[in-house]
């Protein structure tokens, strides 16, 4: 792996470790409890496809699912960051290109998903930043 790509992956890794760590605190920082109040009208039950079964979803369930999803994303971003910092050790291995491609896919999904947050100038900048991380990892995968 050339020195520029290695340095870019390390820099991306430091960013991802910071972002992944910060992400663990987002439920509190973004006030999930107020955003997903416990009190309010009942929610539609979750119907299981192909069956007559339905799960009576509560607001507490939705609040908990938001925490679970946030923590899973936090762990993934943090893990990608550590992997990127150590990329010089694994990128040339038989599965290194596959891992780099998987990370590129993760960042592509993240970039495309920014639209759910809005279409403000900052949203486009975040989309571009995550797309650039995806391209960086795609380059690492096909180098």
C-alpha atoms as a PDB file:
ATOM      1  CA  UNK A   1       0.000   0.000   0.000  1.00  0.00           C
ATOM      2  CA  UNK A   2       1.403   3.379  -0.879  1.00  0.00           C
ATOM      3  CA  UNK A   3       2.211   5.919   1.820  1.00  0.00           C
ATOM      4  CA  UNK A   4      -0.526   8.401   0.821  1.00  0.00           C
ATOM      5  CA  UNK A   5      -3.274   5.782   0.962  1.00  0.00           C
ATOM      6  CA  UNK A   6      -1.951   4.459   4.253  1.00  0.00           C
ATOM      7  CA  UNK A   7      -1.893   7.969   5.746  1.00  0.00           C
ATOM      8  CA  UNK A   8      -5.401   8.708   4.444  1.00  0.00           C
ATOM      9  CA  UNK A   9      -6.752   5.507   5.996  1.00  0.00           C
ATOM     10  CA  UNK A  10      -5.082   6.309   9.332  1.00  0.00           C
ATOM     11  CA  UNK A  11      -6.591   9.807   9.270  1.00  0.00           C
ATOM     12  CA  UNK A  12     -10.003   8.334   8.405  1.00  0.00           C
ATOM     13  CA  UNK A  13      -9.513   5.907  11.282  1.00  0.00           C
ATOM     14  CA  UNK A  14      -8.795   8.628  13.813  1.00  0.00           C
ATOM     15  CA  UNK A  15     -11.924  10.469  12.624  1.00  0.00           C
ATOM     16  CA  UNK A  16     -14.032   7.288  12.885  1.00  0.00           C
ATOM     17  CA  UNK A  17     -12.756   6.451  16.378  1.00  0.00           C
ATOM     18  CA  UNK A  18     -13.748   9.943  17.502  1.00  0.00           C
ATOM     19  CA  UNK A  19     -17.124   9.829  15.767  1.00  0.00           C
ATOM     20  CA  UNK A  20     -17.860   6.300  16.979  1.00  0.00           C
ATOM     21  CA  UNK A  21     -17.045   7.274  20.549  1.00  0.00           C
ATOM     22  CA  UNK A  22     -19.204  10.412  20.328  1.00  0.00           C
ATOM     23  CA  UNK A  23     -22.040   8.367  18.847  1.00  0.00           C
ATOM     24  CA  UNK A  24     -22.404   6.382  22.082  1.00  0.00           C
ATOM     25  CA  UNK A  25     -23.553   9.625  23.741  1.00  0.00           C
ATOM     26  CA  UNK A  26     -25.968  10.761  21.005  1.00  0.00           C
ATOM     27  CA  UNK A  27     -29.094   9.365  22.701  1.00  0.00           C
ATOM     28  CA  UNK A  28     -28.452  11.734  25.601  1.00  0.00           C
ATOM     29  CA  UNK A  29     -27.057  14.612  23.540  1.00  0.00           C
ATOM     30  CA  UNK A  30     -30.008  14.462  21.137  1.00  0.00           C
ATOM     31  CA  UNK A  31     -32.505  13.962  23.989  1.00  0.00           C
ATOM     32  CA  UNK A  32     -34.041  10.723  22.755  1.00  0.00           C
ATOM     33  CA  UNK A  33     -36.304  10.587  25.834  1.00  0.00           C
ATOM     34  CA  UNK A  34     -38.029  13.859  24.915  1.00  0.00           C
ATOM     35  CA  UNK A  35     -38.005  13.038  21.191  1.00  0.00           C
ATOM     36  CA  UNK A  36     -39.658   9.653  21.834  1.00  0.00           C
ATOM     37  CA  UNK A  37     -42.005  10.390  24.742  1.00  0.00           C
ATOM     38  CA  UNK A  38     -43.312   7.553  26.896  1.00  0.00           C
ATOM     39  CA  UNK A  39     -46.756   9.153  27.130  1.00  0.00           C
ATOM     40  CA  UNK A  40     -48.960   9.614  24.109  1.00  0.00           C
ATOM     41  CA  UNK A  41     -51.433   7.835  21.921  1.00  0.00           C
ATOM     42  CA  UNK A  42     -50.883   4.106  21.418  1.00  0.00           C
ATOM     43  CA  UNK A  43     -48.718   3.020  18.527  1.00  0.00           C
ATOM     44  CA  UNK A  44     -49.791   0.791  15.696  1.00  0.00           C
ATOM     45  CA  UNK A  45     -48.920  -2.856  16.465  1.00  0.00           C
ATOM     46  CA  UNK A  46     -46.035  -4.429  14.599  1.00  0.00           C
ATOM     47  CA  UNK A  47     -47.551  -7.024  12.294  1.00  0.00           C
ATOM     48  CA  UNK A  48     -45.355  -9.995  11.483  1.00  0.00           C
ATOM     49  CA  UNK A  49     -45.435 -10.599   7.693  1.00  0.00           C
ATOM     50  CA  UNK A  50     -47.168 -13.771   6.578  1.00  0.00           C
ATOM     51  CA  UNK A  51     -48.868 -14.321   9.942  1.00  0.00           C
ATOM     52  CA  UNK A  52     -51.763 -13.005  11.953  1.00  0.00           C
ATOM     53  CA  UNK A  53     -49.405 -12.246  14.805  1.00  0.00           C
ATOM     54  CA  UNK A  54     -48.941  -8.691  15.970  1.00  0.00           C
ATOM     55  CA  UNK A  55     -46.633  -7.248  18.604  1.00  0.00           C
ATOM     56  CA  UNK A  56     -48.114  -4.447  20.712  1.00  0.00           C
ATOM     57  CA  UNK A  57     -45.288  -1.958  20.288  1.00  0.00           C
ATOM     58  CA  UNK A  58     -44.927   0.591  23.066  1.00  0.00           C
ATOM     59  CA  UNK A  59     -43.187   3.943  23.013  1.00  0.00           C
ATOM     60  CA  UNK A  60     -40.665   2.428  25.418  1.00  0.00           C
ATOM     61  CA  UNK A  61     -39.938  -0.251  22.790  1.00  0.00           C
ATOM     62  CA  UNK A  62     -39.286   2.419  20.159  1.00  0.00           C
ATOM     63  CA  UNK A  63     -37.072   4.365  22.568  1.00  0.00           C
ATOM     64  CA  UNK A  64     -35.131   1.178  23.359  1.00  0.00           C
ATOM     65  CA  UNK A  65     -34.780   0.252  19.684  1.00  0.00           C
ATOM     66  CA  UNK A  66     -33.375   3.725  18.964  1.00  0.00           C
ATOM     67  CA  UNK A  67     -30.746   3.155  21.694  1.00  0.00           C
ATOM     68  CA  UNK A  68     -29.915  -0.332  20.385  1.00  0.00           C
ATOM     69  CA  UNK A  69     -29.543   0.882  16.788  1.00  0.00           C
ATOM     70  CA  UNK A  70     -27.450   3.853  17.913  1.00  0.00           C
ATOM     71  CA  UNK A  71     -25.115   1.664  19.946  1.00  0.00           C
ATOM     72  CA  UNK A  72     -24.744  -0.828  17.075  1.00  0.00           C
ATOM     73  CA  UNK A  73     -23.788   2.002  14.709  1.00  0.00           C
ATOM     74  CA  UNK A  74     -21.445   3.443  17.346  1.00  0.00           C
ATOM     75  CA  UNK A  75     -19.683   0.102  17.726  1.00  0.00           C
ATOM     76  CA  UNK A  76     -19.429  -0.330  13.951  1.00  0.00           C
ATOM     77  CA  UNK A  77     -17.972   3.137  13.348  1.00  0.00           C
ATOM     78  CA  UNK A  78     -15.521   2.731  16.225  1.00  0.00           C
ATOM     79  CA  UNK A  79     -14.468  -0.699  14.897  1.00  0.00           C
ATOM     80  CA  UNK A  80     -13.981   0.701  11.388  1.00  0.00           C
ATOM     81  CA  UNK A  81     -11.807   3.430  12.883  1.00  0.00           C
ATOM     82  CA  UNK A  82      -9.579   0.937  14.664  1.00  0.00           C
ATOM     83  CA  UNK A  83      -9.388  -1.170  11.494  1.00  0.00           C
ATOM     84  CA  UNK A  84      -8.392   1.884   9.456  1.00  0.00           C
ATOM     85  CA  UNK A  85      -5.690   2.878  11.913  1.00  0.00           C
ATOM     86  CA  UNK A  86      -4.298  -0.666  11.540  1.00  0.00           C
ATOM     87  CA  UNK A  87      -4.956  -0.921   7.774  1.00  0.00           C
ATOM     88  CA  UNK A  88      -1.274  -1.266   6.878  1.00  0.00           C
ATOM     89  CA  UNK A  89      -1.350  -4.611   8.714  1.00  0.00           C
ATOM     90  CA  UNK A  90      -4.393  -6.111   6.994  1.00  0.00           C
ATOM     91  CA  UNK A  91      -5.013  -4.416   3.643  1.00  0.00           C
ATOM     92  CA  UNK A  92      -2.625  -6.748   1.774  1.00  0.00           C
ATOM     93  CA  UNK A  93      -4.080  -9.923   3.328  1.00  0.00           C
ATOM     94  CA  UNK A  94      -6.362 -12.200   1.283  1.00  0.00           C
ATOM     95  CA  UNK A  95      -9.482 -10.690   2.865  1.00  0.00           C
ATOM     96  CA  UNK A  96      -8.169  -7.125   3.127  1.00  0.00           C
ATOM     97  CA  UNK A  97      -9.736  -5.951  -0.111  1.00  0.00           C
ATOM     98  CA  UNK A  98     -13.066  -7.485   0.878  1.00  0.00           C
ATOM     99  CA  UNK A  99     -12.972  -5.683   4.228  1.00  0.00           C
ATOM    100  CA  UNK A 100     -12.090  -2.382   2.521  1.00  0.00           C
ATOM    101  CA  UNK A 101     -14.992  -2.909   0.095  1.00  0.00           C
ATOM    102  CA  UNK A 102     -17.351  -3.657   3.001  1.00  0.00           C
ATOM    103  CA  UNK A 103     -16.254  -0.446   4.732  1.00  0.00           C
ATOM    104  CA  UNK A 104     -16.795   1.452   1.461  1.00  0.00           C
ATOM    105  CA  UNK A 105     -20.320   0.025   1.353  1.00  0.00           C
ATOM    106  CA  UNK A 106     -20.972   1.073   4.945  1.00  0.00           C
ATOM    107  CA  UNK A 107     -19.901   4.637   4.192  1.00  0.00           C
ATOM    108  CA  UNK A 108     -21.968   4.669   0.974  1.00  0.00           C
ATOM    109  CA  UNK A 109     -25.085   3.668   2.917  1.00  0.00           C
ATOM    110  CA  UNK A 110     -24.260   6.290   5.555  1.00  0.00           C
ATOM    111  CA  UNK A 111     -23.831   8.989   2.903  1.00  0.00           C
ATOM    112  CA  UNK A 112     -27.078   8.085   1.146  1.00  0.00           C
ATOM    113  CA  UNK A 113     -28.958   7.947   4.462  1.00  0.00           C
ATOM    114  CA  UNK A 114     -28.104  11.550   5.326  1.00  0.00           C
ATOM    115  CA  UNK A 115     -31.194  12.579   3.329  1.00  0.00           C
ATOM    116  CA  UNK A 116     -33.329  11.308   6.224  1.00  0.00           C
ATOM    117  CA  UNK A 117     -31.920  14.155   8.311  1.00  0.00           C
ATOM    118  CA  UNK A 118     -32.645  16.843   5.751  1.00  0.00           C
ATOM    119  CA  UNK A 119     -31.340  18.621   2.695  1.00  0.00           C
ATOM    120  CA  UNK A 120     -29.728  21.622   4.273  1.00  0.00           C
ATOM    121  CA  UNK A 121     -26.242  22.779   3.320  1.00  0.00           C
ATOM    122  CA  UNK A 122     -24.748  20.917   6.291  1.00  0.00           C
ATOM    123  CA  UNK A 123     -26.532  17.729   5.247  1.00  0.00           C
ATOM    124  CA  UNK A 124     -24.945  17.931   1.809  1.00  0.00           C
ATOM    125  CA  UNK A 125     -21.519  18.498   3.395  1.00  0.00           C
ATOM    126  CA  UNK A 126     -21.990  15.452   5.645  1.00  0.00           C
ATOM    127  CA  UNK A 127     -23.133  13.430   2.616  1.00  0.00           C
ATOM    128  CA  UNK A 128     -20.021  14.494   0.697  1.00  0.00           C
ATOM    129  CA  UNK A 129     -17.719  13.654   3.631  1.00  0.00           C
ATOM    130  CA  UNK A 130     -19.126  10.143   4.064  1.00  0.00           C
ATOM    131  CA  UNK A 131     -19.125   9.608   0.298  1.00  0.00           C
ATOM    132  CA  UNK A 132     -15.444  10.608   0.247  1.00  0.00           C
ATOM    133  CA  UNK A 133     -14.727   8.058   2.982  1.00  0.00           C
ATOM    134  CA  UNK A 134     -16.523   5.470   0.856  1.00  0.00           C
ATOM    135  CA  UNK A 135     -14.435   6.364  -2.193  1.00  0.00           C
ATOM    136  CA  UNK A 136     -11.236   6.200  -0.138  1.00  0.00           C
ATOM    137  CA  UNK A 137     -12.083   2.674   0.980  1.00  0.00           C
ATOM    138  CA  UNK A 138     -13.139   1.672  -2.511  1.00  0.00           C
ATOM    139  CA  UNK A 139      -9.734   2.839  -3.762  1.00  0.00           C
ATOM    140  CA  UNK A 140      -8.092   0.776  -1.034  1.00  0.00           C
ATOM    141  CA  UNK A 141     -10.159  -2.235  -2.117  1.00  0.00           C
ATOM    142  CA  UNK A 142      -9.255  -2.013  -5.821  1.00  0.00           C
ATOM    143  CA  UNK A 143      -5.650  -0.680  -5.556  1.00  0.00           C
END
